[in-house]
Amino acid sequence: ILYLFSSSAPAYSFIYISGSVEIPNLTYTNDLSDPTSPKFLLQAKAIQNYLAETYESSFLGKYHLKSVVAAFSDGESGLRAYFWNTFWAP
């Protein structure tokens, strides 16, 4: 028995871009170091929604697939959120 698997390259590529944003009116607390804590999940969702809305209203909107907040830290003047974005490119 001979099996032949064939796959053609997709007509698009995925692009991953990471970054961080500082939110001056929020402060870092220790429960934000646990990615399973309710506070982490709630704050991450709020920032992910903000990023999605920002991209949707720009020319990148049709290419933006998702944003994921991966971590938080204490910033210079507020809460710093570290995230990565996934885009697709034709």
PDB file of N, CA and C in Angstrom:
ATOM      1  N   ILE A   1       0.856  -1.168   0.000  1.00  0.00           N
ATOM      2  CA  ILE A   1       0.000   0.000   0.000  1.00  0.00           C
ATOM      3  C   ILE A   1       0.899   1.226   0.000  1.00  0.00           C
ATOM      4  N   LEU A   2       0.562   2.145  -0.840  1.00  0.00           N
ATOM      5  CA  LEU A   2       1.302   3.399  -0.949  1.00  0.00           C
ATOM      6  C   LEU A   2       0.337   4.544  -0.715  1.00  0.00           C
ATOM      7  N   TYR A   3       0.692   5.395   0.213  1.00  0.00           N
ATOM      8  CA  TYR A   3      -0.116   6.580   0.485  1.00  0.00           C
ATOM      9  C   TYR A   3       0.633   7.796  -0.025  1.00  0.00           C
ATOM     10  N   LEU A   4      -0.058   8.647  -0.707  1.00  0.00           N
ATOM     11  CA  LEU A   4       0.528   9.878  -1.217  1.00  0.00           C
ATOM     12  C   LEU A   4      -0.288  11.040  -0.680  1.00  0.00           C
ATOM     13  N   PHE A   5       0.375  11.896   0.046  1.00  0.00           N
ATOM     14  CA  PHE A   5      -0.290  13.080   0.570  1.00  0.00           C
ATOM     15  C   PHE A   5       0.246  14.285  -0.180  1.00  0.00           C
ATOM     16  N   SER A   6      -0.648  15.063  -0.662  1.00  0.00           N
ATOM     17  CA  SER A   6      -0.257  16.241  -1.418  1.00  0.00           C
ATOM     18  C   SER A   6      -0.913  17.461  -0.803  1.00  0.00           C
ATOM     19  N   SER A   7      -0.178  18.511  -0.784  1.00  0.00           N
ATOM     20  CA  SER A   7      -0.705  19.750  -0.233  1.00  0.00           C
ATOM     21  C   SER A   7      -0.120  20.899  -1.022  1.00  0.00           C
ATOM     22  N   SER A   8      -0.953  21.820  -1.366  1.00  0.00           N
ATOM     23  CA  SER A   8      -0.441  23.006  -2.047  1.00  0.00           C
ATOM     24  C   SER A   8      -0.354  24.138  -1.033  1.00  0.00           C
ATOM     25  N   ALA A   9       0.520  25.048  -1.277  1.00  0.00           N
ATOM     26  CA  ALA A   9       0.693  26.179  -0.371  1.00  0.00           C
ATOM     27  C   ALA A   9      -0.556  27.047  -0.403  1.00  0.00           C
ATOM     28  N   PRO A  10      -0.960  27.539   0.748  1.00  0.00           N
ATOM     29  CA  PRO A  10      -2.136  28.412   0.757  1.00  0.00           C
ATOM     30  C   PRO A  10      -1.852  29.701  -0.005  1.00  0.00           C
ATOM     31  N   ALA A  11      -2.905  30.332  -0.429  1.00  0.00           N
ATOM     32  CA  ALA A  11      -2.772  31.573  -1.184  1.00  0.00           C
ATOM     33  C   ALA A  11      -2.561  32.769  -0.256  1.00  0.00           C
ATOM     34  N   TYR A  12      -2.320  32.518   1.009  1.00  0.00           N
ATOM     35  CA  TYR A  12      -2.116  33.588   1.972  1.00  0.00           C
ATOM     36  C   TYR A  12      -1.102  33.146   3.023  1.00  0.00           C
ATOM     37  N   SER A  13      -0.627  34.093   3.784  1.00  0.00           N
ATOM     38  CA  SER A  13       0.329  33.810   4.858  1.00  0.00           C
ATOM     39  C   SER A  13      -0.173  34.421   6.154  1.00  0.00           C
ATOM     40  N   PHE A  14       0.257  33.846   7.261  1.00  0.00           N
ATOM     41  CA  PHE A  14      -0.052  34.414   8.566  1.00  0.00           C
ATOM     42  C   PHE A  14       1.138  35.242   9.025  1.00  0.00           C
ATOM     43  N   ILE A  15       0.850  36.388   9.599  1.00  0.00           N
ATOM     44  CA  ILE A  15       1.877  37.277  10.119  1.00  0.00           C
ATOM     45  C   ILE A  15       1.582  37.503  11.595  1.00  0.00           C
ATOM     46  N   TYR A  16       2.594  37.305  12.433  1.00  0.00           N
ATOM     47  CA  TYR A  16       2.451  37.490  13.873  1.00  0.00           C
ATOM     48  C   TYR A  16       3.291  38.694  14.288  1.00  0.00           C
ATOM     49  N   ILE A  17       2.669  39.614  14.994  1.00  0.00           N
ATOM     50  CA  ILE A  17       3.351  40.815  15.456  1.00  0.00           C
ATOM     51  C   ILE A  17       3.086  40.964  16.951  1.00  0.00           C
ATOM     52  N   SER A  18       4.158  41.133  17.708  1.00  0.00           N
ATOM     53  CA  SER A  18       3.985  41.313  19.150  1.00  0.00           C
ATOM     54  C   SER A  18       4.245  42.764  19.525  1.00  0.00           C
ATOM     55  N   GLY A  19       3.732  43.139  20.676  1.00  0.00           N
ATOM     56  CA  GLY A  19       3.927  44.503  21.138  1.00  0.00           C
ATOM     57  C   GLY A  19       3.474  44.657  22.572  1.00  0.00           C
ATOM     58  N   SER A  20       3.496  45.871  23.031  1.00  0.00           N
ATOM     59  CA  SER A  20       3.002  46.168  24.370  1.00  0.00           C
ATOM     60  C   SER A  20       2.352  47.541  24.356  1.00  0.00           C
ATOM     61  N   VAL A  21       1.477  47.737  25.306  1.00  0.00           N
ATOM     62  CA  VAL A  21       0.790  49.015  25.452  1.00  0.00           C
ATOM     63  C   VAL A  21       0.724  49.330  26.940  1.00  0.00           C
ATOM     64  N   GLU A  22       0.877  50.596  27.272  1.00  0.00           N
ATOM     65  CA  GLU A  22       0.782  51.007  28.668  1.00  0.00           C
ATOM     66  C   GLU A  22      -0.521  51.766  28.874  1.00  0.00           C
ATOM     67  N   ILE A  23      -1.235  51.387  29.927  1.00  0.00           N
ATOM     68  CA  ILE A  23      -2.518  52.006  30.241  1.00  0.00           C
ATOM     69  C   ILE A  23      -2.328  52.800  31.534  1.00  0.00           C
ATOM     70  N   PRO A  24      -2.262  54.133  31.434  1.00  0.00           N
ATOM     71  CA  PRO A  24      -1.872  54.942  32.587  1.00  0.00           C
ATOM     72  C   PRO A  24      -2.861  54.948  33.753  1.00  0.00           C
ATOM     73  N   ASN A  25      -4.130  54.713  33.519  1.00  0.00           N
ATOM     74  CA  ASN A  25      -5.098  54.788  34.612  1.00  0.00           C
ATOM     75  C   ASN A  25      -5.306  53.452  35.327  1.00  0.00           C
ATOM     76  N   LEU A  26      -4.505  52.432  35.003  1.00  0.00           N
ATOM     77  CA  LEU A  26      -4.599  51.129  35.663  1.00  0.00           C
ATOM     78  C   LEU A  26      -3.274  50.801  36.332  1.00  0.00           C
ATOM     79  N   THR A  27      -3.334  50.021  37.411  1.00  0.00           N
ATOM     80  CA  THR A  27      -2.116  49.636  38.118  1.00  0.00           C
ATOM     81  C   THR A  27      -1.970  48.120  38.129  1.00  0.00           C
ATOM     82  N   TYR A  28      -0.727  47.694  38.180  1.00  0.00           N
ATOM     83  CA  TYR A  28      -0.412  46.267  38.219  1.00  0.00           C
ATOM     84  C   TYR A  28      -0.636  45.731  39.628  1.00  0.00           C
ATOM     85  N   THR A  29      -1.267  44.554  39.711  1.00  0.00           N
ATOM     86  CA  THR A  29      -1.424  43.838  40.973  1.00  0.00           C
ATOM     87  C   THR A  29      -0.938  42.407  40.760  1.00  0.00           C
ATOM     88  N   ASN A  30      -0.596  41.730  41.849  1.00  0.00           N
ATOM     89  CA  ASN A  30      -0.014  40.388  41.751  1.00  0.00           C
ATOM     90  C   ASN A  30      -0.920  39.374  41.064  1.00  0.00           C
ATOM     91  N   ASP A  31      -2.246  39.525  41.180  1.00  0.00           N
ATOM     92  CA  ASP A  31      -3.122  38.548  40.526  1.00  0.00           C
ATOM     93  C   ASP A  31      -3.072  38.645  39.004  1.00  0.00           C
ATOM     94  N   LEU A  32      -2.499  39.718  38.472  1.00  0.00           N
ATOM     95  CA  LEU A  32      -2.322  39.820  37.017  1.00  0.00           C
ATOM     96  C   LEU A  32      -1.133  38.997  36.526  1.00  0.00           C
ATOM     97  N   SER A  33      -0.375  38.423  37.443  1.00  0.00           N
ATOM     98  CA  SER A  33       0.731  37.545  37.034  1.00  0.00           C
ATOM     99  C   SER A  33       0.248  36.125  36.748  1.00  0.00           C
ATOM    100  N   ASP A  34      -0.988  35.815  37.133  1.00  0.00           N
ATOM    101  CA  ASP A  34      -1.564  34.484  36.915  1.00  0.00           C
ATOM    102  C   ASP A  34      -2.540  34.540  35.742  1.00  0.00           C
ATOM    103  N   PRO A  35      -2.184  33.948  34.589  1.00  0.00           N
ATOM    104  CA  PRO A  35      -3.054  34.028  33.408  1.00  0.00           C
ATOM    105  C   PRO A  35      -4.376  33.280  33.547  1.00  0.00           C
ATOM    106  N   THR A  36      -4.566  32.567  34.655  1.00  0.00           N
ATOM    107  CA  THR A  36      -5.849  31.888  34.873  1.00  0.00           C
ATOM    108  C   THR A  36      -6.723  32.628  35.881  1.00  0.00           C
ATOM    109  N   SER A  37      -6.215  33.717  36.454  1.00  0.00           N
ATOM    110  CA  SER A  37      -7.000  34.447  37.454  1.00  0.00           C
ATOM    111  C   SER A  37      -8.135  35.212  36.777  1.00  0.00           C
ATOM    112  N   PRO A  38      -9.262  35.366  37.471  1.00  0.00           N
ATOM    113  CA  PRO A  38     -10.381  36.119  36.891  1.00  0.00           C
ATOM    114  C   PRO A  38      -9.994  37.553  36.507  1.00  0.00           C
ATOM    115  N   LYS A  39      -9.162  38.207  37.321  1.00  0.00           N
ATOM    116  CA  LYS A  39      -8.763  39.586  37.003  1.00  0.00           C
ATOM    117  C   LYS A  39      -7.928  39.635  35.725  1.00  0.00           C
ATOM    118  N   PHE A  40      -6.989  38.688  35.563  1.00  0.00           N
ATOM    119  CA  PHE A  40      -6.184  38.630  34.338  1.00  0.00           C
ATOM    120  C   PHE A  40      -7.099  38.433  33.132  1.00  0.00           C
ATOM    121  N   LEU A  41      -7.998  37.457  33.218  1.00  0.00           N
ATOM    122  CA  LEU A  41      -8.873  37.139  32.087  1.00  0.00           C
ATOM    123  C   LEU A  41      -9.770  38.319  31.718  1.00  0.00           C
ATOM    124  N   LEU A  42     -10.311  38.999  32.727  1.00  0.00           N
ATOM    125  CA  LEU A  42     -11.182  40.146  32.474  1.00  0.00           C
ATOM    126  C   LEU A  42     -10.406  41.297  31.835  1.00  0.00           C
ATOM    127  N   GLN A  43      -9.229  41.597  32.381  1.00  0.00           N
ATOM    128  CA  GLN A  43      -8.423  42.692  31.843  1.00  0.00           C
ATOM    129  C   GLN A  43      -7.915  42.367  30.440  1.00  0.00           C
ATOM    130  N   ALA A  44      -7.486  41.122  30.231  1.00  0.00           N
ATOM    131  CA  ALA A  44      -7.005  40.707  28.910  1.00  0.00           C
ATOM    132  C   ALA A  44      -8.116  40.826  27.875  1.00  0.00           C
ATOM    133  N   LYS A  45      -9.313  40.397  28.229  1.00  0.00           N
ATOM    134  CA  LYS A  45     -10.443  40.464  27.283  1.00  0.00           C
ATOM    135  C   LYS A  45     -10.744  41.914  26.910  1.00  0.00           C
ATOM    136  N   ALA A  46     -10.713  42.809  27.892  1.00  0.00           N
ATOM    137  CA  ALA A  46     -10.982  44.220  27.614  1.00  0.00           C
ATOM    138  C   ALA A  46      -9.947  44.795  26.645  1.00  0.00           C
ATOM    139  N   ILE A  47      -8.683  44.476  26.851  1.00  0.00           N
ATOM    140  CA  ILE A  47      -7.628  44.995  25.974  1.00  0.00           C
ATOM    141  C   ILE A  47      -7.705  44.346  24.597  1.00  0.00           C
ATOM    142  N   GLN A  48      -7.986  43.058  24.539  1.00  0.00           N
ATOM    143  CA  GLN A  48      -8.139  42.366  23.255  1.00  0.00           C
ATOM    144  C   GLN A  48      -9.297  42.968  22.464  1.00  0.00           C
ATOM    145  N   ASN A  49     -10.400  43.280  23.127  1.00  0.00           N
ATOM    146  CA  ASN A  49     -11.530  43.919  22.447  1.00  0.00           C
ATOM    147  C   ASN A  49     -11.147  45.301  21.935  1.00  0.00           C
ATOM    148  N   TYR A  50     -10.399  46.051  22.743  1.00  0.00           N
ATOM    149  CA  TYR A  50      -9.944  47.374  22.322  1.00  0.00           C
ATOM    150  C   TYR A  50      -9.062  47.268  21.073  1.00  0.00           C
ATOM    151  N   LEU A  51      -8.118  46.326  21.083  1.00  0.00           N
ATOM    152  CA  LEU A  51      -7.243  46.148  19.921  1.00  0.00           C
ATOM    153  C   LEU A  51      -8.048  45.753  18.686  1.00  0.00           C
ATOM    154  N   ALA A  52      -9.005  44.844  18.854  1.00  0.00           N
ATOM    155  CA  ALA A  52      -9.832  44.413  17.723  1.00  0.00           C
ATOM    156  C   ALA A  52     -10.611  45.590  17.142  1.00  0.00           C
ATOM    157  N   GLU A  53     -11.205  46.415  18.004  1.00  0.00           N
ATOM    158  CA  GLU A  53     -11.953  47.582  17.533  1.00  0.00           C
ATOM    159  C   GLU A  53     -11.039  48.574  16.822  1.00  0.00           C
ATOM    160  N   THR A  54      -9.841  48.744  17.342  1.00  0.00           N
ATOM    161  CA  THR A  54      -8.885  49.664  16.726  1.00  0.00           C
ATOM    162  C   THR A  54      -8.496  49.189  15.330  1.00  0.00           C
ATOM    163  N   TYR A  55      -8.196  47.904  15.194  1.00  0.00           N
ATOM    164  CA  TYR A  55      -7.822  47.380  13.881  1.00  0.00           C
ATOM    165  C   TYR A  55      -8.999  47.372  12.919  1.00  0.00           C
ATOM    166  N   GLU A  56     -10.203  47.042  13.418  1.00  0.00           N
ATOM    167  CA  GLU A  56     -11.376  46.986  12.542  1.00  0.00           C
ATOM    168  C   GLU A  56     -11.678  48.332  11.909  1.00  0.00           C
ATOM    169  N   SER A  57     -11.368  49.417  12.614  1.00  0.00           N
ATOM    170  CA  SER A  57     -11.659  50.745  12.080  1.00  0.00           C
ATOM    171  C   SER A  57     -10.515  51.294  11.217  1.00  0.00           C
ATOM    172  N   SER A  58      -9.502  50.478  10.956  1.00  0.00           N
ATOM    173  CA  SER A  58      -8.388  50.920  10.118  1.00  0.00           C
ATOM    174  C   SER A  58      -8.302  50.057   8.859  1.00  0.00           C
ATOM    175  N   PHE A  59      -7.373  50.384   8.003  1.00  0.00           N
ATOM    176  CA  PHE A  59      -7.186  49.603   6.780  1.00  0.00           C
ATOM    177  C   PHE A  59      -6.724  48.182   7.080  1.00  0.00           C
ATOM    178  N   LEU A  60      -6.215  47.932   8.283  1.00  0.00           N
ATOM    179  CA  LEU A  60      -5.771  46.584   8.663  1.00  0.00           C
ATOM    180  C   LEU A  60      -6.928  45.677   9.075  1.00  0.00           C
ATOM    181  N   GLY A  61      -8.109  46.247   9.223  1.00  0.00           N
ATOM    182  CA  GLY A  61      -9.251  45.494   9.716  1.00  0.00           C
ATOM    183  C   GLY A  61      -9.537  44.214   8.960  1.00  0.00           C
ATOM    184  N   LYS A  62      -9.427  44.249   7.652  1.00  0.00           N
ATOM    185  CA  LYS A  62      -9.746  43.046   6.877  1.00  0.00           C
ATOM    186  C   LYS A  62      -8.660  41.978   6.971  1.00  0.00           C
ATOM    187  N   TYR A  63      -7.494  42.340   7.514  1.00  0.00           N
ATOM    188  CA  TYR A  63      -6.399  41.379   7.653  1.00  0.00           C
ATOM    189  C   TYR A  63      -6.213  40.875   9.088  1.00  0.00           C
ATOM    190  N   HIS A  64      -6.787  41.580  10.042  1.00  0.00           N
ATOM    191  CA  HIS A  64      -6.612  41.231  11.456  1.00  0.00           C
ATOM    192  C   HIS A  64      -7.468  40.016  11.807  1.00  0.00           C
ATOM    193  N   LEU A  65      -6.831  38.995  12.360  1.00  0.00           N
ATOM    194  CA  LEU A  65      -7.554  37.798  12.783  1.00  0.00           C
ATOM    195  C   LEU A  65      -7.830  37.806  14.278  1.00  0.00           C
ATOM    196  N   LYS A  66      -6.809  38.092  15.085  1.00  0.00           N
ATOM    197  CA  LYS A  66      -7.038  38.173  16.523  1.00  0.00           C
ATOM    198  C   LYS A  66      -5.850  38.798  17.228  1.00  0.00           C
ATOM    199  N   SER A  67      -6.119  39.242  18.446  1.00  0.00           N
ATOM    200  CA  SER A  67      -5.095  39.752  19.351  1.00  0.00           C
ATOM    201  C   SER A  67      -5.194  38.959  20.640  1.00  0.00           C
ATOM    202  N   VAL A  68      -4.053  38.642  21.233  1.00  0.00           N
ATOM    203  CA  VAL A  68      -4.016  37.876  22.476  1.00  0.00           C
ATOM    204  C   VAL A  68      -3.097  38.585  23.460  1.00  0.00           C
ATOM    205  N   VAL A  69      -3.623  38.890  24.639  1.00  0.00           N
ATOM    206  CA  VAL A  69      -2.792  39.442  25.710  1.00  0.00           C
ATOM    207  C   VAL A  69      -2.128  38.276  26.411  1.00  0.00           C
ATOM    208  N   ALA A  70      -0.803  38.308  26.482  1.00  0.00           N
ATOM    209  CA  ALA A  70      -0.037  37.196  27.047  1.00  0.00           C
ATOM    210  C   ALA A  70       0.445  37.454  28.467  1.00  0.00           C
ATOM    211  N   ALA A  71       0.650  38.721  28.830  1.00  0.00           N
ATOM    212  CA  ALA A  71       1.195  39.020  30.155  1.00  0.00           C
ATOM    213  C   ALA A  71       0.958  40.486  30.498  1.00  0.00           C
ATOM    214  N   PHE A  72       1.114  40.772  31.785  1.00  0.00           N
ATOM    215  CA  PHE A  72       1.039  42.138  32.298  1.00  0.00           C
ATOM    216  C   PHE A  72       2.270  42.407  33.152  1.00  0.00           C
ATOM    217  N   SER A  73       2.638  43.684  33.254  1.00  0.00           N
ATOM    218  CA  SER A  73       3.697  44.083  34.180  1.00  0.00           C
ATOM    219  C   SER A  73       3.428  45.513  34.631  1.00  0.00           C
ATOM    220  N   ASP A  74       4.219  45.946  35.583  1.00  0.00           N
ATOM    221  CA  ASP A  74       4.140  47.316  36.069  1.00  0.00           C
ATOM    222  C   ASP A  74       4.892  48.197  35.085  1.00  0.00           C
ATOM    223  N   GLY A  75       4.214  49.167  34.509  1.00  0.00           N
ATOM    224  CA  GLY A  75       4.848  50.070  33.557  1.00  0.00           C
ATOM    225  C   GLY A  75       5.389  51.309  34.240  1.00  0.00           C
ATOM    226  N   GLU A  76       5.903  52.233  33.455  1.00  0.00           N
ATOM    227  CA  GLU A  76       6.453  53.474  34.011  1.00  0.00           C
ATOM    228  C   GLU A  76       5.374  54.347  34.635  1.00  0.00           C
ATOM    229  N   SER A  77       4.198  54.381  34.017  1.00  0.00           N
ATOM    230  CA  SER A  77       3.123  55.234  34.537  1.00  0.00           C
ATOM    231  C   SER A  77       1.778  54.513  34.572  1.00  0.00           C
ATOM    232  N   GLY A  78       1.798  53.184  34.579  1.00  0.00           N
ATOM    233  CA  GLY A  78       0.549  52.435  34.620  1.00  0.00           C
ATOM    234  C   GLY A  78       0.773  50.962  34.357  1.00  0.00           C
ATOM    235  N   LEU A  79      -0.271  50.311  33.946  1.00  0.00           N
ATOM    236  CA  LEU A  79      -0.233  48.875  33.653  1.00  0.00           C
ATOM    237  C   LEU A  79       0.274  48.650  32.237  1.00  0.00           C
ATOM    238  N   ARG A  80       1.248  47.786  32.070  1.00  0.00           N
ATOM    239  CA  ARG A  80       1.753  47.433  30.737  1.00  0.00           C
ATOM    240  C   ARG A  80       1.209  46.064  30.368  1.00  0.00           C
ATOM    241  N   ALA A  81       0.603  45.979  29.176  1.00  0.00           N
ATOM    242  CA  ALA A  81       0.063  44.722  28.652  1.00  0.00           C
ATOM    243  C   ALA A  81       0.899  44.294  27.456  1.00  0.00           C
ATOM    244  N   TYR A  82       1.311  43.030  27.445  1.00  0.00           N
ATOM    245  CA  TYR A  82       2.089  42.459  26.343  1.00  0.00           C
ATOM    246  C   TYR A  82       1.155  41.585  25.522  1.00  0.00           C
ATOM    247  N   PHE A  83       1.178  41.768  24.215  1.00  0.00           N
ATOM    248  CA  PHE A  83       0.222  41.066  23.361  1.00  0.00           C
ATOM    249  C   PHE A  83       0.876  40.656  22.055  1.00  0.00           C
ATOM    250  N   TRP A  84       0.195  39.779  21.339  1.00  0.00           N
ATOM    251  CA  TRP A  84       0.579  39.457  19.964  1.00  0.00           C
ATOM    252  C   TRP A  84      -0.674  39.486  19.110  1.00  0.00           C
ATOM    253  N   ASN A  85      -0.483  39.876  17.867  1.00  0.00           N
ATOM    254  CA  ASN A  85      -1.564  39.961  16.888  1.00  0.00           C
ATOM    255  C   ASN A  85      -1.315  38.959  15.778  1.00  0.00           C
ATOM    256  N   THR A  86      -2.389  38.441  15.242  1.00  0.00           N
ATOM    257  CA  THR A  86      -2.304  37.583  14.064  1.00  0.00           C
ATOM    258  C   THR A  86      -3.025  38.278  12.913  1.00  0.00           C
ATOM    259  N   PHE A  87      -2.317  38.408  11.803  1.00  0.00           N
ATOM    260  CA  PHE A  87      -2.876  38.966  10.579  1.00  0.00           C
ATOM    261  C   PHE A  87      -2.700  37.940   9.471  1.00  0.00           C
ATOM    262  N   TRP A  88      -3.511  38.043   8.444  1.00  0.00           N
ATOM    263  CA  TRP A  88      -3.286  37.223   7.258  1.00  0.00           C
ATOM    264  C   TRP A  88      -2.960  38.171   6.115  1.00  0.00           C
ATOM    265  N   ALA A  89      -2.146  37.710   5.218  1.00  0.00           N
ATOM    266  CA  ALA A  89      -1.751  38.525   4.073  1.00  0.00           C
ATOM    267  C   ALA A  89      -1.914  37.709   2.802  1.00  0.00           C
ATOM    268  N   PRO A  90      -2.544  38.311   1.801  1.00  0.00           N
ATOM    269  CA  PRO A  90      -2.724  37.595   0.521  1.00  0.00           C
ATOM    270  C   PRO A  90      -1.411  37.424  -0.219  1.00  0.00           C
TER     271      PRO A  90
END
